[in-house]
Amino acid sequence: MKKGLCQLCWIVFLYLCTHIQFLVCINHKQDKNMFVSSMSSEELCAEALKDFSILQTKIDLFMDRCGKRYRQEHFIGRFVKRMVVTTKRNNSWTIAFLALNEGISLLIYAPITGQETCGYIALSSNKHPLVLEYTPHFMQRYRERYLRYYNLETGNYNAFEFFSLKNNNTLYVRQPDNSYYFISEQGVMIGRLVSERMISHRTYIGDDNLSLRKRIILDEEYKNLCAANALLRLPDNLNLETVRNVASQYNLGDEFTQKWYAWHAMEFVQS
């Protein structure tokens, strides 16, 4: 009797050990994320591009479905739809269709884990994307120097989504050493060109950390960007009167007009 009981206990013990080990393996597999902060930018880029071929069809279907609903229901204000796709490489990508008033954004991103603050890896589009890295340090500085500084709530958006929606108009300025600075409505950011397929956003400076002289330069550059974007939406954007009218809306003079024609390889004759 005792021998049979001992054998039964041993069988139960082996079953529990095996079952617990199995659960631990499953949980570890679920929790494991390939995008971690210890990876180099080059490694993150390679990992993201491997996932893109898997994601592309899902992105296209999701965009089509959201676009049709958005147009059919004539949404005014906010329209937010998200889908999370976990690839075979255990990366959880969020595909987000975000509409705010007249603006529509498609975001494709995944978290970079391993530090207290998550960073993000993103794809710039659903066709031949550029890989965009937002380091944990960048996101931490953005929270500290913009969201908390101005006491802003992000509502239904996470910090990355809020940043992306508010920085659609961004001027990318490339330096000779392949570093970049980015100018937007929300301030200045510093990054670098990792490769022809990737740009890394390293830190967020904001506008409150700038000297008066730098802030004046920032405002001027940002106005140039907004005027250029406004002109790009107009069919007669090479007409001198049109260019000057748009420039005046942003308090810009003939210096902008000269730049505009230079960008189009045309000579500007002041009259």
C-alpha atoms as a PDB file:
ATOM      1  CA  MET A   1       0.000   0.000   0.000  1.00  0.00           C
ATOM      2  CA  LYS A   2       2.774   2.394   1.018  1.00  0.00           C
ATOM      3  CA  LYS A   3       4.765   1.441  -2.090  1.00  0.00           C
ATOM      4  CA  GLY A   4       1.771   2.162  -4.349  1.00  0.00           C
ATOM      5  CA  LEU A   5       1.179   5.506  -2.606  1.00  0.00           C
ATOM      6  CA  CYS A   6       4.833   6.495  -3.048  1.00  0.00           C
ATOM      7  CA  GLN A   7       4.676   5.653  -6.749  1.00  0.00           C
ATOM      8  CA  LEU A   8       1.484   7.753  -7.115  1.00  0.00           C
ATOM      9  CA  CYS A   9       3.097  10.700  -5.318  1.00  0.00           C
ATOM     10  CA  TRP A  10       6.155  10.423  -7.566  1.00  0.00           C
ATOM     11  CA  ILE A  11       3.979  10.427 -10.704  1.00  0.00           C
ATOM     12  CA  VAL A  12       2.064  13.498  -9.470  1.00  0.00           C
ATOM     13  CA  PHE A  13       5.352  15.246  -8.632  1.00  0.00           C
ATOM     14  CA  LEU A  14       6.776  14.578 -12.108  1.00  0.00           C
ATOM     15  CA  TYR A  15       3.527  15.788 -13.722  1.00  0.00           C
ATOM     16  CA  LEU A  16       3.561  19.038 -11.737  1.00  0.00           C
ATOM     17  CA  CYS A  17       7.226  19.716 -12.509  1.00  0.00           C
ATOM     18  CA  THR A  18       6.665  19.120 -16.219  1.00  0.00           C
ATOM     19  CA  HIS A  19       3.487  21.245 -16.247  1.00  0.00           C
ATOM     20  CA  ILE A  20       5.130  24.135 -14.384  1.00  0.00           C
ATOM     21  CA  GLN A  21       8.165  24.022 -16.689  1.00  0.00           C
ATOM     22  CA  PHE A  22       5.843  24.090 -19.698  1.00  0.00           C
ATOM     23  CA  LEU A  23       3.960  27.136 -18.354  1.00  0.00           C
ATOM     24  CA  VAL A  24       7.222  28.963 -17.620  1.00  0.00           C
ATOM     25  CA  CYS A  25       8.418  28.317 -21.181  1.00  0.00           C
ATOM     26  CA  ILE A  26       5.131  29.556 -22.642  1.00  0.00           C
ATOM     27  CA  ASN A  27       5.145  32.715 -20.519  1.00  0.00           C
ATOM     28  CA  HIS A  28       8.779  33.397 -21.377  1.00  0.00           C
ATOM     29  CA  LYS A  29       8.020  33.025 -25.068  1.00  0.00           C
ATOM     30  CA  GLN A  30       5.052  35.421 -24.803  1.00  0.00           C
ATOM     31  CA  ASP A  31       7.006  38.030 -22.858  1.00  0.00           C
ATOM     32  CA  LYS A  32      10.090  37.922 -25.047  1.00  0.00           C
ATOM     33  CA  ASN A  33      10.362  40.897 -27.359  1.00  0.00           C
ATOM     34  CA  MET A  34      13.062  41.075 -30.012  1.00  0.00           C
ATOM     35  CA  PHE A  35      13.280  44.883 -29.865  1.00  0.00           C
ATOM     36  CA  VAL A  36      15.351  45.601 -26.761  1.00  0.00           C
ATOM     37  CA  SER A  37      17.345  48.673 -25.752  1.00  0.00           C
ATOM     38  CA  SER A  38      20.618  46.730 -25.701  1.00  0.00           C
ATOM     39  CA  MET A  39      20.431  46.271 -29.488  1.00  0.00           C
ATOM     40  CA  SER A  40      22.298  48.638 -31.793  1.00  0.00           C
ATOM     41  CA  SER A  41      20.392  50.829 -34.251  1.00  0.00           C
ATOM     42  CA  GLU A  42      21.614  48.617 -37.091  1.00  0.00           C
ATOM     43  CA  GLU A  43      20.268  45.490 -35.364  1.00  0.00           C
ATOM     44  CA  LEU A  44      16.903  47.155 -34.721  1.00  0.00           C
ATOM     45  CA  CYS A  45      16.679  48.181 -38.369  1.00  0.00           C
ATOM     46  CA  ALA A  46      17.449  44.683 -39.636  1.00  0.00           C
ATOM     47  CA  GLU A  47      14.851  43.174 -37.282  1.00  0.00           C
ATOM     48  CA  ALA A  48      12.166  45.659 -38.353  1.00  0.00           C
ATOM     49  CA  LEU A  49      12.741  45.055 -42.051  1.00  0.00           C
ATOM     50  CA  LYS A  50      12.456  41.292 -41.536  1.00  0.00           C
ATOM     51  CA  ASP A  51       9.020  41.863 -39.990  1.00  0.00           C
ATOM     52  CA  PHE A  52       7.835  44.265 -42.680  1.00  0.00           C
ATOM     53  CA  SER A  53       7.241  41.602 -45.333  1.00  0.00           C
ATOM     54  CA  ILE A  54       4.913  39.837 -42.871  1.00  0.00           C
ATOM     55  CA  LEU A  55       3.121  43.027 -41.892  1.00  0.00           C
ATOM     56  CA  GLN A  56       2.552  44.586 -45.311  1.00  0.00           C
ATOM     57  CA  THR A  57      -0.620  42.694 -46.293  1.00  0.00           C
ATOM     58  CA  LYS A  58      -2.179  43.184 -42.850  1.00  0.00           C
ATOM     59  CA  ILE A  59      -1.397  46.913 -42.984  1.00  0.00           C
ATOM     60  CA  ASP A  60      -3.026  47.298 -46.411  1.00  0.00           C
ATOM     61  CA  LEU A  61      -6.196  45.463 -45.343  1.00  0.00           C
ATOM     62  CA  PHE A  62      -6.434  47.444 -42.101  1.00  0.00           C
ATOM     63  CA  MET A  63      -5.961  50.783 -43.889  1.00  0.00           C
ATOM     64  CA  ASP A  64      -8.599  49.918 -46.473  1.00  0.00           C
ATOM     65  CA  ARG A  65     -11.129  48.903 -43.813  1.00  0.00           C
ATOM     66  CA  CYS A  66     -10.517  51.991 -41.652  1.00  0.00           C
ATOM     67  CA  GLY A  67     -10.487  54.365 -44.620  1.00  0.00           C
ATOM     68  CA  LYS A  68     -13.845  53.120 -45.869  1.00  0.00           C
ATOM     69  CA  ARG A  69     -15.460  53.447 -42.449  1.00  0.00           C
ATOM     70  CA  TYR A  70     -13.964  56.902 -41.916  1.00  0.00           C
ATOM     71  CA  ARG A  71     -15.342  58.131 -45.251  1.00  0.00           C
ATOM     72  CA  GLN A  72     -18.736  56.461 -44.891  1.00  0.00           C
ATOM     73  CA  GLU A  73     -19.459  57.757 -41.400  1.00  0.00           C
ATOM     74  CA  HIS A  74     -18.073  61.265 -42.024  1.00  0.00           C
ATOM     75  CA  PHE A  75     -16.289  61.476 -38.679  1.00  0.00           C
ATOM     76  CA  ILE A  76     -15.643  64.945 -37.322  1.00  0.00           C
ATOM     77  CA  GLY A  77     -13.030  65.265 -34.593  1.00  0.00           C
ATOM     78  CA  ARG A  78     -11.193  62.140 -33.474  1.00  0.00           C
ATOM     79  CA  PHE A  79     -11.224  58.766 -35.142  1.00  0.00           C
ATOM     80  CA  VAL A  80      -8.925  56.160 -33.618  1.00  0.00           C
ATOM     81  CA  LYS A  81      -8.531  52.551 -34.699  1.00  0.00           C
ATOM     82  CA  ARG A  82      -5.702  50.218 -33.732  1.00  0.00           C
ATOM     83  CA  MET A  83      -4.709  46.666 -34.511  1.00  0.00           C
ATOM     84  CA  VAL A  84      -1.912  44.737 -32.796  1.00  0.00           C
ATOM     85  CA  VAL A  85      -0.043  42.142 -34.857  1.00  0.00           C
ATOM     86  CA  THR A  86       2.409  39.745 -33.205  1.00  0.00           C
ATOM     87  CA  THR A  87       4.844  38.279 -35.682  1.00  0.00           C
ATOM     88  CA  LYS A  88       6.550  34.890 -35.530  1.00  0.00           C
ATOM     89  CA  ARG A  89       9.604  36.730 -34.235  1.00  0.00           C
ATOM     90  CA  ASN A  90       7.569  37.708 -31.109  1.00  0.00           C
ATOM     91  CA  ASN A  91       7.407  41.397 -31.981  1.00  0.00           C
ATOM     92  CA  SER A  92       4.119  43.133 -31.214  1.00  0.00           C
ATOM     93  CA  TRP A  93       3.424  45.825 -33.811  1.00  0.00           C
ATOM     94  CA  THR A  94       0.642  48.362 -33.426  1.00  0.00           C
ATOM     95  CA  ILE A  95      -0.977  49.592 -36.631  1.00  0.00           C
ATOM     96  CA  ALA A  96      -2.874  52.774 -35.805  1.00  0.00           C
ATOM     97  CA  PHE A  97      -5.229  54.761 -38.040  1.00  0.00           C
ATOM     98  CA  LEU A  98      -5.559  58.150 -36.352  1.00  0.00           C
ATOM     99  CA  ALA A  99      -7.671  61.032 -37.631  1.00  0.00           C
ATOM    100  CA  LEU A 100      -7.840  64.373 -35.867  1.00  0.00           C
ATOM    101  CA  ASN A 101     -10.127  66.879 -37.567  1.00  0.00           C
ATOM    102  CA  GLU A 102      -8.833  67.038 -41.169  1.00  0.00           C
ATOM    103  CA  GLY A 103      -5.515  65.299 -40.515  1.00  0.00           C
ATOM    104  CA  ILE A 104      -5.038  61.540 -40.949  1.00  0.00           C
ATOM    105  CA  SER A 105      -2.003  59.571 -39.788  1.00  0.00           C
ATOM    106  CA  LEU A 106      -1.041  55.941 -40.228  1.00  0.00           C
ATOM    107  CA  LEU A 107       1.401  54.749 -37.572  1.00  0.00           C
ATOM    108  CA  ILE A 108       3.199  51.413 -37.599  1.00  0.00           C
ATOM    109  CA  TYR A 109       5.281  50.946 -34.468  1.00  0.00           C
ATOM    110  CA  ALA A 110       6.579  48.532 -31.846  1.00  0.00           C
ATOM    111  CA  PRO A 111       8.037  49.152 -28.370  1.00  0.00           C
ATOM    112  CA  ILE A 112      11.731  48.959 -27.575  1.00  0.00           C
ATOM    113  CA  THR A 113      11.832  47.412 -24.121  1.00  0.00           C
ATOM    114  CA  GLY A 114      14.540  46.935 -21.515  1.00  0.00           C
ATOM    115  CA  GLN A 115      14.535  50.307 -19.755  1.00  0.00           C
ATOM    116  CA  GLU A 116      12.145  52.124 -17.443  1.00  0.00           C
ATOM    117  CA  THR A 117      10.869  54.215 -20.375  1.00  0.00           C
ATOM    118  CA  CYS A 118       9.997  52.434 -23.624  1.00  0.00           C
ATOM    119  CA  GLY A 119      11.467  53.570 -26.879  1.00  0.00           C
ATOM    120  CA  TYR A 120       9.825  52.850 -30.222  1.00  0.00           C
ATOM    121  CA  ILE A 121      10.742  51.489 -33.603  1.00  0.00           C
ATOM    122  CA  ALA A 122       8.473  52.679 -36.414  1.00  0.00           C
ATOM    123  CA  LEU A 123       7.975  52.259 -40.141  1.00  0.00           C
ATOM    124  CA  SER A 124       7.454  55.472 -42.087  1.00  0.00           C
ATOM    125  CA  SER A 125       4.896  54.016 -44.514  1.00  0.00           C
ATOM    126  CA  ASN A 126       3.354  50.814 -45.809  1.00  0.00           C
ATOM    127  CA  LYS A 127       5.358  51.025 -49.066  1.00  0.00           C
ATOM    128  CA  HIS A 128       9.191  50.949 -49.085  1.00  0.00           C
ATOM    129  CA  PRO A 129       9.372  52.303 -45.520  1.00  0.00           C
ATOM    130  CA  LEU A 130      12.147  54.137 -43.779  1.00  0.00           C
ATOM    131  CA  VAL A 131      12.834  52.698 -40.321  1.00  0.00           C
ATOM    132  CA  LEU A 132      12.560  55.335 -37.587  1.00  0.00           C
ATOM    133  CA  GLU A 133      14.084  54.766 -34.164  1.00  0.00           C
ATOM    134  CA  TYR A 134      12.926  56.765 -31.136  1.00  0.00           C
ATOM    135  CA  THR A 135      15.304  55.795 -28.343  1.00  0.00           C
ATOM    136  CA  PRO A 136      14.125  55.364 -24.731  1.00  0.00           C
ATOM    137  CA  HIS A 137      16.209  58.459 -23.917  1.00  0.00           C
ATOM    138  CA  PHE A 138      14.356  60.456 -26.605  1.00  0.00           C
ATOM    139  CA  MET A 139      10.922  59.463 -25.286  1.00  0.00           C
ATOM    140  CA  GLN A 140      11.962  60.190 -21.687  1.00  0.00           C
ATOM    141  CA  ARG A 141      13.155  63.683 -22.639  1.00  0.00           C
ATOM    142  CA  TYR A 142       9.972  64.297 -24.649  1.00  0.00           C
ATOM    143  CA  ARG A 143       7.839  63.441 -21.631  1.00  0.00           C
ATOM    144  CA  GLU A 144       9.934  65.603 -19.309  1.00  0.00           C
ATOM    145  CA  ARG A 145      10.567  68.600 -21.554  1.00  0.00           C
ATOM    146  CA  TYR A 146       7.245  68.841 -23.352  1.00  0.00           C
ATOM    147  CA  LEU A 147       4.370  66.831 -21.896  1.00  0.00           C
ATOM    148  CA  ARG A 148       5.168  67.481 -18.237  1.00  0.00           C
ATOM    149  CA  TYR A 149       6.597  70.955 -18.813  1.00  0.00           C
ATOM    150  CA  TYR A 150       3.343  72.115 -20.422  1.00  0.00           C
ATOM    151  CA  ASN A 151       1.210  69.847 -18.204  1.00  0.00           C
ATOM    152  CA  LEU A 152      -0.378  68.137 -21.201  1.00  0.00           C
ATOM    153  CA  GLU A 153      -2.670  65.114 -21.189  1.00  0.00           C
ATOM    154  CA  THR A 154      -2.438  62.812 -24.226  1.00  0.00           C
ATOM    155  CA  GLY A 155      -6.013  61.517 -23.969  1.00  0.00           C
ATOM    156  CA  ASN A 156      -6.603  58.325 -25.944  1.00  0.00           C
ATOM    157  CA  TYR A 157      -3.101  58.443 -27.390  1.00  0.00           C
ATOM    158  CA  ASN A 158       0.123  57.113 -25.913  1.00  0.00           C
ATOM    159  CA  ALA A 159       3.126  59.453 -25.845  1.00  0.00           C
ATOM    160  CA  PHE A 160       4.482  58.218 -29.175  1.00  0.00           C
ATOM    161  CA  GLU A 161       1.134  58.606 -30.959  1.00  0.00           C
ATOM    162  CA  PHE A 162       0.692  62.102 -29.504  1.00  0.00           C
ATOM    163  CA  PHE A 163       4.203  63.069 -30.610  1.00  0.00           C
ATOM    164  CA  SER A 164       3.620  61.735 -34.142  1.00  0.00           C
ATOM    165  CA  LEU A 165       0.278  63.517 -34.564  1.00  0.00           C
ATOM    166  CA  LYS A 166       1.691  66.841 -33.391  1.00  0.00           C
ATOM    167  CA  ASN A 167       4.884  66.651 -35.438  1.00  0.00           C
ATOM    168  CA  ASN A 168       3.573  65.974 -38.939  1.00  0.00           C
ATOM    169  CA  ASN A 169       5.251  69.173 -40.165  1.00  0.00           C
ATOM    170  CA  THR A 170       8.891  68.465 -39.394  1.00  0.00           C
ATOM    171  CA  LEU A 171      11.912  69.976 -41.111  1.00  0.00           C
ATOM    172  CA  TYR A 172      14.777  67.461 -41.370  1.00  0.00           C
ATOM    173  CA  VAL A 173      18.157  69.206 -41.627  1.00  0.00           C
ATOM    174  CA  ARG A 174      21.092  66.928 -42.458  1.00  0.00           C
ATOM    175  CA  GLN A 175      24.586  67.858 -41.337  1.00  0.00           C
ATOM    176  CA  PRO A 176      27.869  66.882 -43.102  1.00  0.00           C
ATOM    177  CA  ASP A 177      28.631  64.283 -40.400  1.00  0.00           C
ATOM    178  CA  ASN A 178      25.251  62.542 -41.017  1.00  0.00           C
ATOM    179  CA  SER A 179      23.769  63.937 -37.839  1.00  0.00           C
ATOM    180  CA  TYR A 180      20.339  65.509 -38.108  1.00  0.00           C
ATOM    181  CA  TYR A 181      18.362  68.103 -36.309  1.00  0.00           C
ATOM    182  CA  PHE A 182      14.617  68.176 -36.640  1.00  0.00           C
ATOM    183  CA  ILE A 183      12.530  71.319 -36.294  1.00  0.00           C
ATOM    184  CA  SER A 184       8.822  71.119 -35.564  1.00  0.00           C
ATOM    185  CA  GLU A 185       6.062  73.032 -33.829  1.00  0.00           C
ATOM    186  CA  GLN A 186       7.115  71.375 -30.579  1.00  0.00           C
ATOM    187  CA  GLY A 187      10.787  72.289 -30.691  1.00  0.00           C
ATOM    188  CA  VAL A 188      14.117  70.834 -31.771  1.00  0.00           C
ATOM    189  CA  MET A 189      15.201  67.197 -31.823  1.00  0.00           C
ATOM    190  CA  ILE A 190      18.608  65.655 -32.464  1.00  0.00           C
ATOM    191  CA  GLY A 191      19.242  62.464 -34.393  1.00  0.00           C
ATOM    192  CA  ARG A 192      21.491  60.758 -36.903  1.00  0.00           C
ATOM    193  CA  LEU A 193      21.322  58.981 -40.218  1.00  0.00           C
ATOM    194  CA  VAL A 194      22.110  55.342 -39.444  1.00  0.00           C
ATOM    195  CA  SER A 195      21.822  54.186 -43.063  1.00  0.00           C
ATOM    196  CA  GLU A 196      19.806  54.987 -46.162  1.00  0.00           C
ATOM    197  CA  ARG A 197      17.033  52.894 -44.606  1.00  0.00           C
ATOM    198  CA  MET A 198      17.060  54.305 -41.072  1.00  0.00           C
ATOM    199  CA  ILE A 199      16.997  57.548 -39.081  1.00  0.00           C
ATOM    200  CA  SER A 200      17.476  57.489 -35.325  1.00  0.00           C
ATOM    201  CA  HIS A 201      15.959  60.132 -33.022  1.00  0.00           C
ATOM    202  CA  ARG A 202      18.408  60.401 -30.130  1.00  0.00           C
ATOM    203  CA  THR A 203      17.185  63.213 -27.877  1.00  0.00           C
ATOM    204  CA  TYR A 204      14.479  65.843 -27.605  1.00  0.00           C
ATOM    205  CA  ILE A 205      15.567  69.379 -26.728  1.00  0.00           C
ATOM    206  CA  GLY A 206      12.252  71.235 -26.877  1.00  0.00           C
ATOM    207  CA  ASP A 207      11.866  74.991 -27.116  1.00  0.00           C
ATOM    208  CA  ASP A 208      12.142  75.940 -23.446  1.00  0.00           C
ATOM    209  CA  ASN A 209      15.785  74.764 -23.372  1.00  0.00           C
ATOM    210  CA  LEU A 210      16.851  77.060 -26.225  1.00  0.00           C
ATOM    211  CA  SER A 211      18.540  80.421 -26.037  1.00  0.00           C
ATOM    212  CA  LEU A 212      16.628  83.420 -27.419  1.00  0.00           C
ATOM    213  CA  ARG A 213      18.811  83.492 -30.550  1.00  0.00           C
ATOM    214  CA  LYS A 214      18.282  79.795 -31.246  1.00  0.00           C
ATOM    215  CA  ARG A 215      14.552  80.136 -30.635  1.00  0.00           C
ATOM    216  CA  ILE A 216      14.319  82.954 -33.169  1.00  0.00           C
ATOM    217  CA  ILE A 217      16.157  80.783 -35.727  1.00  0.00           C
ATOM    218  CA  LEU A 218      13.835  77.869 -34.890  1.00  0.00           C
ATOM    219  CA  ASP A 219      10.708  79.994 -35.389  1.00  0.00           C
ATOM    220  CA  GLU A 220      12.002  81.311 -38.717  1.00  0.00           C
ATOM    221  CA  GLU A 221      12.885  77.839 -40.015  1.00  0.00           C
ATOM    222  CA  TYR A 222       9.548  76.446 -38.895  1.00  0.00           C
ATOM    223  CA  LYS A 223       7.652  79.244 -40.649  1.00  0.00           C
ATOM    224  CA  ASN A 224       9.607  78.428 -43.829  1.00  0.00           C
ATOM    225  CA  LEU A 225       8.525  74.800 -43.489  1.00  0.00           C
ATOM    226  CA  CYS A 226       4.841  75.683 -42.985  1.00  0.00           C
ATOM    227  CA  ALA A 227       4.845  78.081 -45.954  1.00  0.00           C
ATOM    228  CA  ALA A 228       6.492  75.471 -48.179  1.00  0.00           C
ATOM    229  CA  ASN A 229       3.925  72.830 -47.155  1.00  0.00           C
ATOM    230  CA  ALA A 230       1.084  75.286 -47.837  1.00  0.00           C
ATOM    231  CA  LEU A 231       2.463  76.022 -51.315  1.00  0.00           C
ATOM    232  CA  LEU A 232       2.868  72.340 -52.142  1.00  0.00           C
ATOM    233  CA  ARG A 233      -0.900  71.940 -51.762  1.00  0.00           C
ATOM    234  CA  LEU A 234      -1.596  74.666 -54.353  1.00  0.00           C
ATOM    235  CA  PRO A 235      -1.669  73.970 -58.125  1.00  0.00           C
ATOM    236  CA  ASP A 236      -0.189  77.367 -59.061  1.00  0.00           C
ATOM    237  CA  ASN A 237       2.637  77.278 -56.536  1.00  0.00           C
ATOM    238  CA  LEU A 238       5.197  78.742 -58.934  1.00  0.00           C
ATOM    239  CA  ASN A 239       3.148  81.869 -59.588  1.00  0.00           C
ATOM    240  CA  LEU A 240       4.971  84.845 -58.031  1.00  0.00           C
ATOM    241  CA  GLU A 241       1.832  86.439 -56.608  1.00  0.00           C
ATOM    242  CA  THR A 242       0.734  83.123 -55.055  1.00  0.00           C
ATOM    243  CA  VAL A 243       4.160  82.550 -53.498  1.00  0.00           C
ATOM    244  CA  ARG A 244       4.257  86.044 -52.018  1.00  0.00           C
ATOM    245  CA  ASN A 245       0.704  85.779 -50.669  1.00  0.00           C
ATOM    246  CA  VAL A 246       1.489  82.532 -48.861  1.00  0.00           C
ATOM    247  CA  ALA A 247       4.803  83.915 -47.584  1.00  0.00           C
ATOM    248  CA  SER A 248       3.028  86.967 -46.166  1.00  0.00           C
ATOM    249  CA  GLN A 249       0.640  84.727 -44.226  1.00  0.00           C
ATOM    250  CA  TYR A 250       3.667  83.490 -42.270  1.00  0.00           C
ATOM    251  CA  ASN A 251       5.319  86.934 -42.062  1.00  0.00           C
ATOM    252  CA  LEU A 252       8.005  85.891 -44.543  1.00  0.00           C
ATOM    253  CA  GLY A 253       9.462  88.176 -47.192  1.00  0.00           C
ATOM    254  CA  ASP A 254      11.300  87.793 -50.472  1.00  0.00           C
ATOM    255  CA  GLU A 255      14.054  85.782 -48.824  1.00  0.00           C
ATOM    256  CA  PHE A 256      11.608  82.871 -48.609  1.00  0.00           C
ATOM    257  CA  THR A 257      10.404  83.527 -52.175  1.00  0.00           C
ATOM    258  CA  GLN A 258      14.010  83.352 -53.375  1.00  0.00           C
ATOM    259  CA  LYS A 259      14.529  80.051 -51.527  1.00  0.00           C
ATOM    260  CA  TRP A 260      11.310  78.634 -52.985  1.00  0.00           C
ATOM    261  CA  TYR A 261      12.365  79.308 -56.564  1.00  0.00           C
ATOM    262  CA  ALA A 262      15.898  78.069 -55.852  1.00  0.00           C
ATOM    263  CA  TRP A 263      14.444  74.748 -54.623  1.00  0.00           C
ATOM    264  CA  HIS A 264      12.718  74.472 -58.006  1.00  0.00           C
ATOM    265  CA  ALA A 265      15.898  75.423 -59.901  1.00  0.00           C
ATOM    266  CA  MET A 266      14.305  78.662 -61.070  1.00  0.00           C
ATOM    267  CA  GLU A 267      15.680  82.161 -60.964  1.00  0.00           C
ATOM    268  CA  PHE A 268      13.812  84.724 -58.891  1.00  0.00           C
ATOM    269  CA  VAL A 269      13.851  88.260 -60.286  1.00  0.00           C
ATOM    270  CA  GLN A 270      12.717  90.734 -57.648  1.00  0.00           C
ATOM    271  CA  SER A 271      10.194  93.287 -58.903  1.00  0.00           C
END
